[in-house]
Structure formats: C-alpha cells, structure tokens
Amino acid sequence: MNASNQATTYEVAAALASVGTLVKNYFPDGSINFSPWREDPYTSFWHEEDTLDLSLHFPGWSPSYECRSLLIQLRVIKDCPEKLPRLLGVMMRGVTFDGERWRLVTVGDWHFTGPYLPKPAVKEKLNSMCRDFFTLFPSD
C-alpha cells in the first residue's frame, strides 16, 4: 500500500518522515515517492494493508546499481492503531522500464537475486540501509 495512505497517525507519519530522511542520507540525488502505486481498481485488487511502499528514482540509469529506481516495501505488523507498527522485513527491488532486475528480501540470508545484480559495494550499502530501517521501528 502506498506509504502516504498509511500516515493516519502522528507516530506513523513521523516514522515515514524518518524513513524518507534515511533514504535521502543514502541516496541524496534520488527522488522519493511515498505513493508509487496508481489509485485504480486493478492496483487496488493487489492492495496489501500490512506494507508501507515507497520508491526512489535515480536521475538516470545507474550501472553500479543496475537499475533506474528502487521499489521499497516495508512489511509491518500493526498491533495497536495508536502505536507504531513493528517492522517484520524489507523487500527491495531494483527496476527499470523493462521491469525487475534484482531483488533483496530481508528474510533468511539476505541474498540478492535476479539476472542483473548490483556491484558488491552497492549491495553492502543497500544491506546497511535495510539494517537501519529496523532501527526506526520498535522490535517488541
């Protein structure tokens, strides 16, 4: 679900602002979109209530990242509407106009999969950003 649609409380809005700041710290040239999904019936069919989705668009295609944009999906669990959700995991996809080029899921071994993987230094940077996402949300 678009992260912007999930900002229904001050706590969630503040957490999303922190997520945006974190992403901008890692990618200062990137452009963040907290509403990457269209608001149409087809997209609504795939609506996932327990995700905070955002995207990051680079100024152009990046050979070291092997993509033009990142789609970041934060899988959360909402225990209580008044509290900040807990982060269960992150799914990150590197995409171009041709579709998905690689994927990182923070479940299991955190390995990148796909036909066009980013460079090793970029992989570490993306892993580090994912670890930092976990610090923004409560663990209990």
Protein backbone atom coordinates (compact mmCIF):
# COMPACT_ATOMS: atom_id res chain seq x y z
CA MET A 1 0.00 0.00 0.00
CA ASN A 2 1.24 3.50 -0.68
CA ALA A 3 3.11 4.68 2.40
CA SER A 4 1.38 8.06 2.16
CA ASN A 5 -2.01 6.36 2.69
CA GLN A 6 -0.73 4.74 5.90
CA ALA A 7 0.21 8.02 7.59
CA THR A 8 -3.01 8.13 9.61
CA THR A 9 -1.39 8.87 12.98
CA TYR A 10 1.35 11.22 14.07
CA GLU A 11 3.60 8.27 15.00
CA VAL A 12 3.34 6.64 11.58
CA ALA A 13 3.80 9.97 9.79
CA ALA A 14 6.92 10.68 11.88
CA ALA A 15 8.29 7.18 11.16
CA LEU A 16 7.72 7.66 7.42
CA ALA A 17 9.50 11.02 7.59
CA SER A 18 12.42 9.25 9.28
CA VAL A 19 12.37 6.57 6.56
CA GLY A 20 12.50 9.33 3.94
CA THR A 21 15.39 11.05 5.70
CA LEU A 22 17.26 7.76 5.97
CA VAL A 23 16.81 7.00 2.27
CA LYS A 24 17.90 10.55 1.32
CA ASN A 25 21.01 10.16 3.50
CA TYR A 26 21.99 7.08 1.49
CA PHE A 27 20.90 8.48 -1.88
CA PRO A 28 21.00 12.30 -1.83
CA ASP A 29 20.46 12.57 -5.61
CA GLY A 30 17.40 10.31 -5.57
CA SER A 31 13.79 11.40 -5.66
CA ILE A 32 11.46 9.73 -3.12
CA ASN A 33 7.85 8.90 -3.88
CA PHE A 34 5.63 7.81 -0.97
CA SER A 35 2.82 6.92 -3.40
CA PRO A 36 4.39 4.62 -6.02
CA TRP A 37 1.14 2.79 -6.84
CA ARG A 38 -1.67 4.10 -9.02
CA GLU A 39 -5.10 4.55 -7.50
CA ASP A 40 -7.10 2.34 -9.87
CA PRO A 41 -9.24 -0.82 -9.49
CA TYR A 42 -6.54 -3.17 -10.85
CA THR A 43 -3.90 -1.90 -8.45
CA SER A 44 -6.39 -1.84 -5.56
CA PHE A 45 -7.04 -5.55 -6.16
CA TRP A 46 -3.44 -6.23 -5.06
CA HIS A 47 -3.76 -3.91 -2.06
CA GLU A 48 -1.62 -5.06 0.89
CA GLU A 49 -2.68 -3.47 4.15
CA ASP A 50 0.46 -4.53 6.02
CA THR A 51 3.08 -2.82 3.86
CA LEU A 52 4.48 0.66 3.62
CA ASP A 53 5.55 1.11 -0.01
CA LEU A 54 7.77 3.84 -1.38
CA SER A 55 10.06 4.26 -4.33
CA LEU A 56 13.31 6.02 -5.06
CA HIS A 57 14.11 7.25 -8.54
CA PHE A 58 17.68 7.95 -9.62
CA PRO A 59 18.46 10.81 -12.02
CA GLY A 60 19.30 8.22 -14.69
CA TRP A 61 20.18 4.57 -15.13
CA SER A 62 22.95 3.56 -12.76
CA PRO A 63 25.34 0.83 -13.92
CA SER A 64 26.59 0.16 -10.38
CA TYR A 65 23.00 -0.22 -9.10
CA GLU A 66 21.86 -1.98 -12.30
CA CYS A 67 18.58 -0.08 -12.15
CA ARG A 68 16.87 3.26 -12.51
CA SER A 69 14.56 3.03 -9.48
CA LEU A 70 14.16 1.18 -6.21
CA LEU A 71 10.81 -0.07 -5.01
CA ILE A 72 10.98 -0.45 -1.24
CA GLN A 73 8.31 -2.41 0.58
CA LEU A 74 8.38 -2.38 4.37
CA ARG A 75 6.35 -5.32 5.71
CA VAL A 76 4.83 -4.32 9.05
CA ILE A 77 2.51 -5.72 11.68
CA LYS A 78 0.06 -3.40 13.37
CA ASP A 79 -0.52 -4.50 16.95
CA CYS A 80 -2.43 -1.42 18.03
CA PRO A 81 -3.70 1.57 15.99
CA GLU A 82 -2.24 4.05 18.50
CA LYS A 83 1.26 2.55 18.31
CA LEU A 84 3.93 2.49 15.67
CA PRO A 85 3.83 -0.74 13.65
CA ARG A 86 6.62 -3.28 14.01
CA LEU A 87 8.85 -3.92 11.01
CA LEU A 88 8.90 -7.59 10.02
CA GLY A 89 11.06 -7.28 6.91
CA VAL A 90 12.03 -5.34 3.84
CA MET A 91 11.66 -6.25 0.18
CA MET A 92 13.61 -4.06 -2.18
CA ARG A 93 13.54 -4.31 -5.96
CA GLY A 94 15.80 -2.66 -8.48
CA VAL A 95 13.71 -1.82 -11.54
CA THR A 96 13.94 -0.20 -14.95
CA PHE A 97 11.34 0.41 -17.62
CA ASP A 98 11.86 -3.24 -18.61
CA GLY A 99 10.81 -4.48 -15.16
CA GLU A 100 12.54 -6.00 -12.15
CA ARG A 101 16.30 -6.54 -12.48
CA TRP A 102 17.10 -7.74 -8.96
CA ARG A 103 15.50 -8.27 -5.55
CA LEU A 104 16.62 -8.21 -1.92
CA VAL A 105 14.47 -9.68 0.85
CA THR A 106 15.50 -9.37 4.49
CA VAL A 107 14.28 -12.83 5.38
CA GLY A 108 16.73 -15.69 5.65
CA ASP A 109 20.17 -14.99 4.25
CA TRP A 110 19.56 -11.51 2.74
CA HIS A 111 20.96 -12.56 -0.65
CA PHE A 112 20.29 -10.60 -3.81
CA THR A 113 18.50 -12.48 -6.58
CA GLY A 114 17.89 -11.62 -10.21
CA PRO A 115 19.61 -11.54 -13.58
CA TYR A 116 21.38 -8.17 -13.14
CA LEU A 117 22.84 -7.74 -9.66
CA PRO A 118 24.28 -4.50 -8.27
CA LYS A 119 28.02 -4.14 -7.63
CA PRO A 120 29.35 -5.52 -4.28
CA ALA A 121 29.80 -2.04 -2.71
CA VAL A 122 26.21 -1.17 -3.64
CA LYS A 123 24.95 -4.44 -2.17
CA GLU A 124 26.59 -3.57 1.15
CA LYS A 125 25.13 -0.05 1.04
CA LEU A 126 21.62 -1.42 0.43
CA ASN A 127 22.04 -4.04 3.19
CA SER A 128 23.17 -1.29 5.55
CA MET A 129 20.13 0.81 4.69
CA CYS A 130 17.86 -2.18 5.40
CA ARG A 131 19.53 -2.70 8.79
CA ASP A 132 18.92 0.98 9.54
CA PHE A 133 15.20 0.60 8.69
CA PHE A 134 14.93 -1.87 11.55
CA THR A 135 16.26 0.75 13.99
CA LEU A 136 13.40 3.12 13.12
CA PHE A 137 10.63 0.76 14.22
CA PRO A 138 10.04 -0.95 17.57
CA SER A 139 11.32 -4.50 17.89
CA ASP A 140 8.81 -5.66 20.52
